[in-house]
Amino acid sequence: MNIAYHTLGTAADTAELNITSHDLNFNLSVSDLRDVWYKTSYLLDRKQSGEEKALERFNNYKHMPLKFNFPEGFSGQLAAMGLDPNRKTASGLKAAIIRKRVQTLSAKWLTHYTWLVSM
């Protein structure tokens, strides 16, 4: 099976997202982008927990280290979990990620320039 692919990027050990295409170059702060993402959680949390606790959590999330604990023997490979990416029948499993969509100026800016870069 011949499937064409294009490398879109590479991983980096920095806290920046660098997008380059033709004459365009954008260096975006991952911390700032995370703030945009977490703002929706803060807005929902404010309704559930009140302003004080919601703001406390929002201001604290960035000080918590990202730490992942995978079970012993976990390889991350589909086959190891009995999954086939080429299956033709439904698995019966369903999942959803539900987030309140907030179109902030930053999100609009990122969307617009990501579109420009893809041209």
C-alpha atoms as a PDB file:
ATOM      1  CA  MET A   1       0.000   0.000   0.000  1.00  0.00           C
ATOM      2  CA  ASN A   2       1.554   3.318  -1.090  1.00  0.00           C
ATOM      3  CA  ILE A   3       0.346   6.132   1.115  1.00  0.00           C
ATOM      4  CA  ALA A   4       1.850   9.581   0.722  1.00  0.00           C
ATOM      5  CA  TYR A   5       2.688  11.511   3.856  1.00  0.00           C
ATOM      6  CA  HIS A   6       4.214  14.836   4.799  1.00  0.00           C
ATOM      7  CA  THR A   7       6.191  15.597   7.919  1.00  0.00           C
ATOM      8  CA  LEU A   8       4.414  18.456   9.654  1.00  0.00           C
ATOM      9  CA  GLY A   9       6.886  19.031  12.435  1.00  0.00           C
ATOM     10  CA  THR A  10       9.275  17.646  14.973  1.00  0.00           C
ATOM     11  CA  ALA A  11       9.263  17.470  18.752  1.00  0.00           C
ATOM     12  CA  ALA A  12      11.298  19.999  20.694  1.00  0.00           C
ATOM     13  CA  ASP A  13      12.420  20.312  24.303  1.00  0.00           C
ATOM     14  CA  THR A  14      11.346  23.950  24.484  1.00  0.00           C
ATOM     15  CA  ALA A  15       8.087  25.510  25.632  1.00  0.00           C
ATOM     16  CA  GLU A  16       7.443  27.083  22.238  1.00  0.00           C
ATOM     17  CA  LEU A  17       5.413  26.146  19.206  1.00  0.00           C
ATOM     18  CA  ASN A  18       7.281  27.339  16.129  1.00  0.00           C
ATOM     19  CA  ILE A  19       5.347  27.453  12.869  1.00  0.00           C
ATOM     20  CA  THR A  20       7.189  28.269   9.667  1.00  0.00           C
ATOM     21  CA  SER A  21       5.876  28.282   6.121  1.00  0.00           C
ATOM     22  CA  HIS A  22       7.232  30.220   3.189  1.00  0.00           C
ATOM     23  CA  ASP A  23       7.785  33.790   4.452  1.00  0.00           C
ATOM     24  CA  LEU A  24       5.730  33.321   7.634  1.00  0.00           C
ATOM     25  CA  ASN A  25       7.273  32.449  10.983  1.00  0.00           C
ATOM     26  CA  PHE A  26       5.396  32.257  14.292  1.00  0.00           C
ATOM     27  CA  ASN A  27       6.879  31.538  17.702  1.00  0.00           C
ATOM     28  CA  LEU A  28       4.054  30.865  20.136  1.00  0.00           C
ATOM     29  CA  SER A  29       4.388  30.333  23.864  1.00  0.00           C
ATOM     30  CA  VAL A  30       2.999  26.970  24.998  1.00  0.00           C
ATOM     31  CA  SER A  31       2.308  28.546  28.407  1.00  0.00           C
ATOM     32  CA  ASP A  32       0.181  31.266  26.813  1.00  0.00           C
ATOM     33  CA  LEU A  33      -1.664  28.737  24.662  1.00  0.00           C
ATOM     34  CA  ARG A  34      -2.314  26.584  27.753  1.00  0.00           C
ATOM     35  CA  ASP A  35      -3.813  29.646  29.463  1.00  0.00           C
ATOM     36  CA  VAL A  36      -6.191  30.082  26.520  1.00  0.00           C
ATOM     37  CA  TRP A  37      -7.152  26.383  26.756  1.00  0.00           C
ATOM     38  CA  TYR A  38      -7.582  26.366  30.542  1.00  0.00           C
ATOM     39  CA  LYS A  39      -9.595  29.575  30.556  1.00  0.00           C
ATOM     40  CA  THR A  40     -12.698  27.638  29.469  1.00  0.00           C
ATOM     41  CA  SER A  41     -12.223  25.247  32.395  1.00  0.00           C
ATOM     42  CA  TYR A  42     -11.885  28.231  34.713  1.00  0.00           C
ATOM     43  CA  LEU A  43     -15.087  29.794  33.381  1.00  0.00           C
ATOM     44  CA  LEU A  44     -17.036  26.566  33.958  1.00  0.00           C
ATOM     45  CA  ASP A  45     -15.397  25.966  37.352  1.00  0.00           C
ATOM     46  CA  ARG A  46     -16.413  29.470  38.413  1.00  0.00           C
ATOM     47  CA  LYS A  47     -20.066  28.475  38.068  1.00  0.00           C
ATOM     48  CA  GLN A  48     -19.552  25.257  40.052  1.00  0.00           C
ATOM     49  CA  SER A  49     -17.084  26.288  42.758  1.00  0.00           C
ATOM     50  CA  GLY A  50     -17.295  30.060  42.865  1.00  0.00           C
ATOM     51  CA  GLU A  51     -14.857  32.727  41.716  1.00  0.00           C
ATOM     52  CA  GLU A  52     -12.309  32.345  44.528  1.00  0.00           C
ATOM     53  CA  LYS A  53     -11.673  28.588  44.203  1.00  0.00           C
ATOM     54  CA  ALA A  54     -11.883  28.638  40.408  1.00  0.00           C
ATOM     55  CA  LEU A  55      -9.299  31.416  40.191  1.00  0.00           C
ATOM     56  CA  GLU A  56      -7.072  29.623  42.705  1.00  0.00           C
ATOM     57  CA  ARG A  57      -7.122  26.457  40.555  1.00  0.00           C
ATOM     58  CA  PHE A  58      -6.556  28.421  37.341  1.00  0.00           C
ATOM     59  CA  ASN A  59      -3.534  30.195  38.813  1.00  0.00           C
ATOM     60  CA  ASN A  60      -2.174  26.932  40.227  1.00  0.00           C
ATOM     61  CA  TYR A  61      -2.431  24.569  37.229  1.00  0.00           C
ATOM     62  CA  LYS A  62       0.750  25.900  35.613  1.00  0.00           C
ATOM     63  CA  HIS A  63       2.782  25.200  38.759  1.00  0.00           C
ATOM     64  CA  MET A  64       1.847  21.522  38.767  1.00  0.00           C
ATOM     65  CA  PRO A  65       4.411  19.384  36.948  1.00  0.00           C
ATOM     66  CA  LEU A  66       3.188  17.278  34.062  1.00  0.00           C
ATOM     67  CA  LYS A  67       3.730  13.742  35.265  1.00  0.00           C
ATOM     68  CA  PHE A  68       2.440  10.579  33.652  1.00  0.00           C
ATOM     69  CA  ASN A  69       2.455   7.127  35.239  1.00  0.00           C
ATOM     70  CA  PHE A  70       1.873   4.329  32.786  1.00  0.00           C
ATOM     71  CA  PRO A  71       1.170   0.786  33.957  1.00  0.00           C
ATOM     72  CA  GLU A  72       4.088  -1.627  33.941  1.00  0.00           C
ATOM     73  CA  GLY A  73       4.377  -3.253  30.534  1.00  0.00           C
ATOM     74  CA  PHE A  74       2.551  -0.422  28.758  1.00  0.00           C
ATOM     75  CA  SER A  75       4.145   0.104  25.344  1.00  0.00           C
ATOM     76  CA  GLY A  76       1.626   2.469  23.773  1.00  0.00           C
ATOM     77  CA  GLN A  77       1.369   0.170  20.767  1.00  0.00           C
ATOM     78  CA  LEU A  78      -2.114  -0.531  19.392  1.00  0.00           C
ATOM     79  CA  ALA A  79      -1.390  -4.229  18.913  1.00  0.00           C
ATOM     80  CA  ALA A  80      -0.379  -4.601  22.571  1.00  0.00           C
ATOM     81  CA  MET A  81      -3.874  -3.425  23.535  1.00  0.00           C
ATOM     82  CA  GLY A  82      -5.603  -5.684  21.017  1.00  0.00           C
ATOM     83  CA  LEU A  83      -6.486  -2.787  18.729  1.00  0.00           C
ATOM     84  CA  ASP A  84      -6.294  -2.707  14.951  1.00  0.00           C
ATOM     85  CA  PRO A  85      -6.140   0.733  13.282  1.00  0.00           C
ATOM     86  CA  ASN A  86      -7.430  -0.837  10.037  1.00  0.00           C
ATOM     87  CA  ARG A  87     -10.529  -2.506  11.517  1.00  0.00           C
ATOM     88  CA  LYS A  88     -13.678  -2.346   9.408  1.00  0.00           C
ATOM     89  CA  THR A  89     -16.271  -3.010  12.117  1.00  0.00           C
ATOM     90  CA  ALA A  90     -17.328  -0.844  15.035  1.00  0.00           C
ATOM     91  CA  SER A  91     -15.688  -1.688  18.354  1.00  0.00           C
ATOM     92  CA  GLY A  92     -18.719  -0.703  20.399  1.00  0.00           C
ATOM     93  CA  LEU A  93     -16.630   1.759  22.424  1.00  0.00           C
ATOM     94  CA  LYS A  94     -17.561   5.418  22.376  1.00  0.00           C
ATOM     95  CA  ALA A  95     -15.842   8.397  23.946  1.00  0.00           C
ATOM     96  CA  ALA A  96     -16.335  12.127  23.903  1.00  0.00           C
ATOM     97  CA  ILE A  97     -14.416  15.124  25.091  1.00  0.00           C
ATOM     98  CA  ILE A  98     -16.816  17.884  25.968  1.00  0.00           C
ATOM     99  CA  ARG A  99     -15.561  21.423  26.392  1.00  0.00           C
ATOM    100  CA  LYS A 100     -17.314  24.724  26.254  1.00  0.00           C
ATOM    101  CA  ARG A 101     -16.061  26.441  23.131  1.00  0.00           C
ATOM    102  CA  VAL A 102     -14.882  29.971  23.746  1.00  0.00           C
ATOM    103  CA  GLN A 103     -13.598  31.911  20.746  1.00  0.00           C
ATOM    104  CA  THR A 104     -11.067  34.224  22.347  1.00  0.00           C
ATOM    105  CA  LEU A 105      -9.017  36.683  20.375  1.00  0.00           C
ATOM    106  CA  SER A 106      -5.956  34.464  20.862  1.00  0.00           C
ATOM    107  CA  ALA A 107      -7.785  31.392  19.586  1.00  0.00           C
ATOM    108  CA  LYS A 108      -9.017  33.298  16.538  1.00  0.00           C
ATOM    109  CA  TRP A 109      -5.515  34.627  15.903  1.00  0.00           C
ATOM    110  CA  LEU A 110      -3.970  31.158  16.147  1.00  0.00           C
ATOM    111  CA  THR A 111      -6.648  29.640  13.906  1.00  0.00           C
ATOM    112  CA  HIS A 112      -6.219  32.354  11.282  1.00  0.00           C
ATOM    113  CA  TYR A 113      -2.438  32.118  11.149  1.00  0.00           C
ATOM    114  CA  THR A 114      -2.426  28.324  11.244  1.00  0.00           C
ATOM    115  CA  TRP A 115      -4.660  28.496   8.179  1.00  0.00           C
ATOM    116  CA  LEU A 116      -2.293  30.968   6.490  1.00  0.00           C
ATOM    117  CA  VAL A 117       0.691  28.731   7.199  1.00  0.00           C
ATOM    118  CA  SER A 118      -1.070  25.714   5.695  1.00  0.00           C
ATOM    119  CA  MET A 119      -1.542  27.472   2.343  1.00  0.00           C
END
